[in-house]
Protein backbone atom coordinates (compact mmCIF):
# COMPACT_ATOMS: atom_id res chain seq x y z
CA MET A 1 112.17 92.99 38.56
CA LYS A 2 109.08 92.33 40.70
CA GLU A 3 107.20 95.20 42.26
CA ALA A 4 107.45 95.34 46.05
CA VAL A 5 104.23 95.00 48.06
CA LEU A 6 104.13 95.60 51.81
CA ILE A 7 101.36 93.88 53.77
CA THR A 8 100.39 94.90 57.30
CA GLY A 9 98.46 92.63 59.66
CA ALA A 10 100.80 89.82 58.63
CA ASN A 11 99.42 87.25 61.07
CA GLY A 12 95.79 87.66 60.04
CA LEU A 13 93.83 85.12 58.01
CA VAL A 14 93.48 87.29 54.89
CA ALA A 15 97.16 88.29 54.89
CA LYS A 16 98.32 84.67 55.07
CA GLU A 17 96.00 83.46 52.32
CA LEU A 18 96.67 86.49 50.12
CA ALA A 19 100.42 85.95 50.42
CA LYS A 20 100.04 82.41 49.06
CA ARG A 21 98.02 83.76 46.16
CA ILE A 22 100.26 86.63 45.01
CA GLY A 23 103.65 85.58 46.38
CA SER A 24 105.06 84.49 43.01
CA ASP A 25 104.09 87.75 41.28
CA TYR A 26 105.49 90.29 43.75
CA ASP A 27 108.35 90.95 46.14
CA LEU A 28 106.28 90.52 49.32
CA ARG A 29 107.16 92.15 52.63
CA PHE A 30 105.30 92.06 55.92
CA LEU A 31 105.07 94.39 58.89
CA THR A 32 104.76 92.50 62.14
CA ARG A 33 105.32 93.00 65.85
CA LYS A 34 107.88 90.19 66.01
CA LYS A 35 110.09 89.35 63.04
CA LYS A 36 110.44 85.64 62.26
CA ASN A 37 111.33 85.55 58.54
CA PRO A 38 113.73 87.50 56.31
CA ASN A 39 110.91 89.34 54.50
CA GLU A 40 109.33 90.51 57.79
CA TYR A 41 109.96 93.90 59.36
CA GLU A 42 109.07 95.00 62.87
CA TRP A 43 106.93 97.90 63.95
CA ASP A 44 105.66 99.14 67.31
CA LEU A 45 102.56 101.31 67.26
CA GLU A 46 102.78 102.29 70.92
CA LYS A 47 106.29 103.67 70.39
CA GLY A 48 105.44 104.99 66.91
CA MET A 49 108.40 103.13 65.43
CA MET A 50 108.95 100.87 62.44
CA ASP A 51 111.81 99.35 60.47
CA GLU A 52 111.98 101.89 57.65
CA SER A 53 113.86 99.52 55.35
CA ALA A 54 110.49 97.78 54.80
CA LEU A 55 109.61 100.74 52.57
CA ASP A 56 112.71 100.75 50.35
CA ASN A 57 111.61 100.72 46.68
CA ILE A 58 108.03 99.91 47.71
CA SER A 59 105.26 100.24 45.09
CA HIS A 60 102.12 99.15 46.94
CA ILE A 61 100.87 98.79 50.50
CA ILE A 62 97.99 96.50 51.48
CA HIS A 63 96.89 97.66 54.91
CA LEU A 64 95.21 94.78 56.74
CA ALA A 65 96.27 95.64 60.30
CA GLY A 66 93.52 95.96 62.90
CA ALA A 67 92.55 94.37 66.21
CA ASN A 68 89.81 91.72 65.96
CA ILE A 69 86.40 93.38 66.35
CA SER A 70 84.70 90.35 67.94
CA GLU A 71 87.52 88.97 70.09
CA LYS A 72 86.77 90.82 73.36
CA ARG A 73 84.05 92.86 75.04
CA TRP A 74 84.06 96.51 74.02
CA THR A 75 85.38 98.24 77.10
CA ALA A 76 86.43 101.88 76.71
CA GLU A 77 90.04 100.67 76.46
CA ARG A 78 89.17 98.05 73.84
CA LYS A 79 87.31 100.62 71.74
CA LYS A 80 90.41 102.81 71.68
CA GLU A 81 92.49 99.81 70.61
CA LEU A 82 90.08 98.91 67.80
CA ILE A 83 90.42 102.43 66.38
CA SER A 84 94.13 102.92 67.07
CA SER A 85 95.18 99.60 65.52
CA ARG A 86 93.64 100.75 62.25
CA VAL A 87 94.05 104.52 62.23
CA ASP A 88 97.36 105.05 64.04
CA SER A 89 98.98 102.24 62.05
CA ALA A 90 98.01 103.99 58.80
CA GLY A 91 99.26 107.27 60.25
CA LEU A 92 102.66 105.78 61.07
CA LEU A 93 102.98 104.45 57.52
CA LEU A 94 102.01 107.83 56.05
CA LYS A 95 104.45 109.73 58.28
CA THR A 96 107.34 107.38 57.44
CA LEU A 97 106.64 107.46 53.69
CA LYS A 98 106.60 111.28 53.77
CA GLU A 99 109.88 111.40 55.67
CA LYS A 100 111.50 109.06 53.15
CA ASN A 101 109.90 110.92 50.24
CA ILE A 102 108.39 107.73 48.77
CA GLN A 103 105.36 107.72 46.51
CA LEU A 104 103.21 104.63 46.16
CA LYS A 105 101.35 103.41 43.11
CA SER A 106 98.53 102.27 45.39
CA PHE A 107 97.43 102.12 49.00
CA ILE A 108 94.83 99.38 49.41
CA SER A 109 93.14 99.34 52.79
CA ALA A 110 90.86 96.91 54.52
CA SER A 111 87.59 98.46 55.64
CA GLY A 112 84.31 97.13 57.01
CA ILE A 113 80.84 96.51 55.68
CA ASN A 114 79.68 97.99 59.02
CA PHE A 115 80.33 101.41 57.47
CA TYR A 116 76.58 101.57 56.87
CA GLY A 117 75.69 100.91 60.52
CA THR A 118 74.86 97.92 62.66
CA ILE A 119 71.15 97.76 61.92
CA THR A 120 68.71 95.35 60.29
CA THR A 121 66.70 96.91 57.47
CA GLU A 122 65.32 95.89 54.10
CA LYS A 123 67.62 98.39 52.38
CA VAL A 124 70.47 97.05 50.23
CA TYR A 125 73.38 99.43 50.80
CA THR A 126 75.62 100.68 48.01
CA GLU A 127 78.89 102.60 48.14
CA GLN A 128 76.89 105.80 47.53
CA ASP A 129 75.14 105.53 50.90
CA PRO A 130 76.26 107.59 53.91
CA PRO A 131 77.75 105.99 57.04
CA GLY A 132 75.71 104.84 60.02
CA ASN A 133 75.87 106.43 63.45
CA ASP A 134 77.02 103.68 65.82
CA PHE A 135 80.43 102.64 67.14
CA LEU A 136 81.37 100.24 64.33
CA SER A 137 80.46 102.71 61.60
CA GLU A 138 82.56 105.31 63.47
CA VAL A 139 85.51 102.89 63.42
CA VAL A 140 85.14 102.35 59.67
CA VAL A 141 84.74 106.07 58.89
CA LEU A 142 87.97 106.87 60.76
CA TRP A 143 89.70 103.89 59.13
CA GLU A 144 88.76 105.05 55.64
CA LYS A 145 89.64 108.66 56.42
CA ALA A 146 93.15 107.51 57.42
CA ALA A 147 93.42 105.67 54.08
CA ASP A 148 92.23 108.68 52.08
CA GLU A 149 95.08 110.75 53.53
CA PHE A 150 97.53 108.84 51.32
CA LYS A 151 95.84 110.26 48.20
CA GLU A 152 95.14 113.69 49.68
CA GLN A 153 98.77 114.13 50.67
CA ASN A 154 100.03 112.83 47.31
CA ILE A 155 101.71 109.79 48.81
CA ALA A 156 99.68 107.28 46.77
CA GLU A 157 98.44 107.62 43.20
CA ARG A 158 95.24 105.86 44.21
CA VAL A 159 93.50 104.54 47.33
CA VAL A 160 91.19 101.52 47.36
CA LYS A 161 89.01 100.73 50.41
CA VAL A 162 87.75 97.16 50.65
CA ARG A 163 84.55 97.12 52.78
CA THR A 164 84.79 93.56 53.97
CA ALA A 165 81.86 91.34 54.91
CA VAL A 166 82.12 88.31 57.23
CA VAL A 167 84.95 86.25 55.73
CA LEU A 168 84.08 82.56 55.57
CA SER A 169 87.00 80.22 56.24
CA GLU A 170 87.24 76.96 58.14
CA LYS A 171 90.62 78.15 59.49
CA ASP A 172 89.47 81.20 61.45
CA GLY A 173 86.70 83.72 62.06
CA ALA A 174 82.93 83.35 62.32
CA LEU A 175 82.58 80.06 60.43
CA LYS A 176 85.21 78.32 62.55
CA LYS A 177 83.29 79.37 65.68
CA MET A 178 79.95 78.22 64.27
CA ILE A 179 81.10 74.71 63.30
CA PRO A 180 81.66 73.05 66.75
CA PRO A 181 78.21 73.81 68.25
CA ILE A 182 76.54 72.46 65.10
CA GLN A 183 78.75 69.35 65.13
CA TYR A 184 77.80 68.73 68.77
CA TYR A 185 74.06 69.24 68.09
CA ILE A 186 73.81 72.52 70.04
CA GLY A 187 74.00 74.95 67.14
CA SER A 188 71.18 77.40 66.49
CA PRO A 189 70.50 80.83 64.97
CA LEU A 190 71.30 83.88 67.09
CA GLY A 191 68.54 86.20 68.29
CA THR A 192 65.74 86.30 65.74
CA GLY A 193 68.06 84.84 63.10
CA LYS A 194 66.51 87.33 60.67
CA GLN A 195 69.48 89.70 60.73
CA TYR A 196 71.33 89.71 57.42
CA MET A 197 74.91 88.43 57.44
CA PRO A 198 76.87 89.85 54.52
CA TRP A 199 79.50 87.21 53.75
CA ILE A 200 82.37 86.41 51.40
CA HIS A 201 84.46 83.28 50.79
CA ILE A 202 88.14 83.60 51.77
CA ASP A 203 89.18 82.94 48.16
CA ASP A 204 87.01 85.80 46.91
CA ILE A 205 88.24 88.39 49.42
CA CYS A 206 91.83 87.51 48.50
CA GLY A 207 90.79 87.66 44.85
CA ILE A 208 89.45 91.19 45.34
CA TYR A 209 92.75 92.35 46.89
CA GLU A 210 94.71 90.80 44.02
CA PHE A 211 92.34 92.37 41.48
CA ALA A 212 92.64 95.79 43.16
CA LEU A 213 96.42 95.48 43.14
CA LYS A 214 96.58 94.68 39.43
CA ASN A 215 93.74 96.89 38.20
CA SER A 216 94.91 100.51 38.35
CA ALA A 217 91.43 101.76 37.37
CA MET A 218 90.06 100.72 40.76
CA GLU A 219 89.78 103.54 43.29
CA GLY A 220 87.62 104.41 46.28
CA PRO A 221 85.32 102.12 48.31
CA TYR A 222 84.06 98.70 47.22
CA ASN A 223 81.70 96.38 49.05
CA ALA A 224 83.56 93.07 49.34
CA VAL A 225 80.43 90.99 49.76
CA SER A 226 78.98 88.00 47.95
CA PRO A 227 76.11 88.70 45.52
CA GLN A 228 73.86 86.18 47.35
CA HIS A 229 72.30 87.58 50.52
CA ALA A 230 71.80 85.44 53.62
CA THR A 231 70.44 85.83 57.14
CA ASN A 232 72.05 84.40 60.26
CA ALA A 233 69.42 81.63 60.20
CA ASP A 234 70.15 80.86 56.51
CA LEU A 235 73.86 80.53 57.24
CA THR A 236 73.32 78.35 60.33
CA LYS A 237 70.95 76.01 58.48
CA LYS A 238 73.20 75.68 55.46
CA ILE A 239 76.27 74.91 57.60
CA ALA A 240 74.22 72.19 59.34
CA LYS A 241 73.07 70.79 56.00
CA VAL A 242 76.59 70.66 54.56
CA LEU A 243 77.85 68.99 57.77
CA HIS A 244 74.84 66.60 57.70
CA LYS A 245 73.82 67.63 61.22
CA PRO A 246 70.30 68.40 62.47
CA LEU A 247 69.46 71.62 64.32
CA PHE A 248 67.52 70.75 67.49
CA MET A 249 68.05 73.79 69.66
CA PRO A 250 65.87 76.93 69.79
CA ASN A 251 67.40 80.26 68.78
CA VAL A 252 69.85 81.74 71.27
CA PRO A 253 67.91 84.60 72.94
CA SER A 254 69.19 88.13 72.34
CA PHE A 255 69.43 88.88 76.07
CA VAL A 256 71.84 85.96 76.58
CA LEU A 257 74.18 87.33 73.92
CA LYS A 258 73.94 90.82 75.42
CA LEU A 259 74.85 89.43 78.85
CA MET A 260 77.80 87.55 77.35
CA PHE A 261 79.15 90.17 74.98
CA GLY A 262 77.76 93.54 76.07
CA GLU A 263 77.65 96.15 73.31
CA LEU A 264 79.50 93.77 70.95
CA ALA A 265 76.28 91.70 70.82
CA ASN A 266 74.74 94.34 68.53
CA ALA A 267 77.23 93.39 65.83
CA ILE A 268 76.00 89.79 66.10
CA LEU A 269 72.28 90.50 66.39
CA GLU A 270 71.92 93.15 63.66
CA GLY A 271 72.90 93.29 60.00
CA SER A 272 71.73 94.53 56.60
CA ARG A 273 72.48 93.63 53.02
CA ALA A 274 75.08 95.32 50.84
CA SER A 275 75.35 95.37 47.06
CA SER A 276 78.23 93.73 45.18
CA GLN A 277 77.38 95.47 41.88
CA LYS A 278 80.23 97.99 41.97
CA ILE A 279 82.98 95.39 42.41
CA GLN A 280 81.38 93.17 39.76
CA ALA A 281 81.23 96.12 37.35
CA THR A 282 85.06 96.26 37.44
CA GLY A 283 85.12 92.82 35.82
CA PHE A 284 85.82 90.93 39.03
CA GLN A 285 84.12 87.53 39.06
CA PHE A 286 83.26 85.74 42.28
CA ARG A 287 84.38 82.11 42.46
CA PHE A 288 81.82 81.44 45.18
CA PRO A 289 78.72 83.62 44.73
CA ASP A 290 76.46 80.86 46.14
CA LEU A 291 76.45 80.23 49.91
CA LYS A 292 75.87 76.49 49.75
CA GLU A 293 78.69 75.99 47.24
CA ALA A 294 80.98 78.21 49.32
CA LEU A 295 80.28 76.12 52.42
CA GLN A 296 80.72 72.86 50.54
CA ASP A 297 84.11 74.03 49.35
CA LEU A 298 85.18 74.99 52.87
CA LEU A 299 83.63 72.11 54.81
CA GLN A 300 83.60 69.11 52.47
CA SER A 301 86.70 67.64 54.16
CA LYS A 302 85.11 68.00 57.61
């Protein structure tokens, strides 16, 4: 009999790709706001309600729910939503599991590489480093604290926190947004272009979740970031090279991005490197550790 795995954030890029990858090995269930398929179960965070049958005989939860950080300007209301979608969703799961007296083998939660702060430095951050002191690091600290509750309250035997870098996929996210300007000869680096952009191929982030699910020795935080570091300018130039397009335009000035995006612009204009050594020490092997090869894989059909 297959172990049951519940995935939140069912409509997100990682959830969809991960489901394809592990679907034959597990009894997969999804929490979603609107049920469309038999293995989907509805929940409503505002009402604090969920279909409890999603948790029957469950062994693992992969918590990927969370409003998109870069989708809208960070108004006070949006900031609350960014936190609530991650923290309150975990809280509802924890409360329901406790009420049903269910213990998990593992609770595996998405997290963010912005834990270390939205700054550009020459430091390479490891999981031993403390959090930063800006809004995004606050979001990640609260997110991880909500995940840790599952272990502290004896609901999960172990908790894994996957500190995710920018996920590269031609289907969604940052790369999808960067492709059209480059194809139409108006692409260029953002700000100075010197800010580091921790990145990971979609196959590798899904691989890390699968590895964490199957490797019971994994516990705590892991930087889900490719071993090869790149700046925003590196990424822009390599996309252009793989697409065989020249870059004519000057860098987009920082003040333009700040006018367009407000405080969110900081997340675009700043970034530092993070180490992948801890996840590699578990035995996990990246399929795409090299940026150019990762982009070729994603864009060669373009």
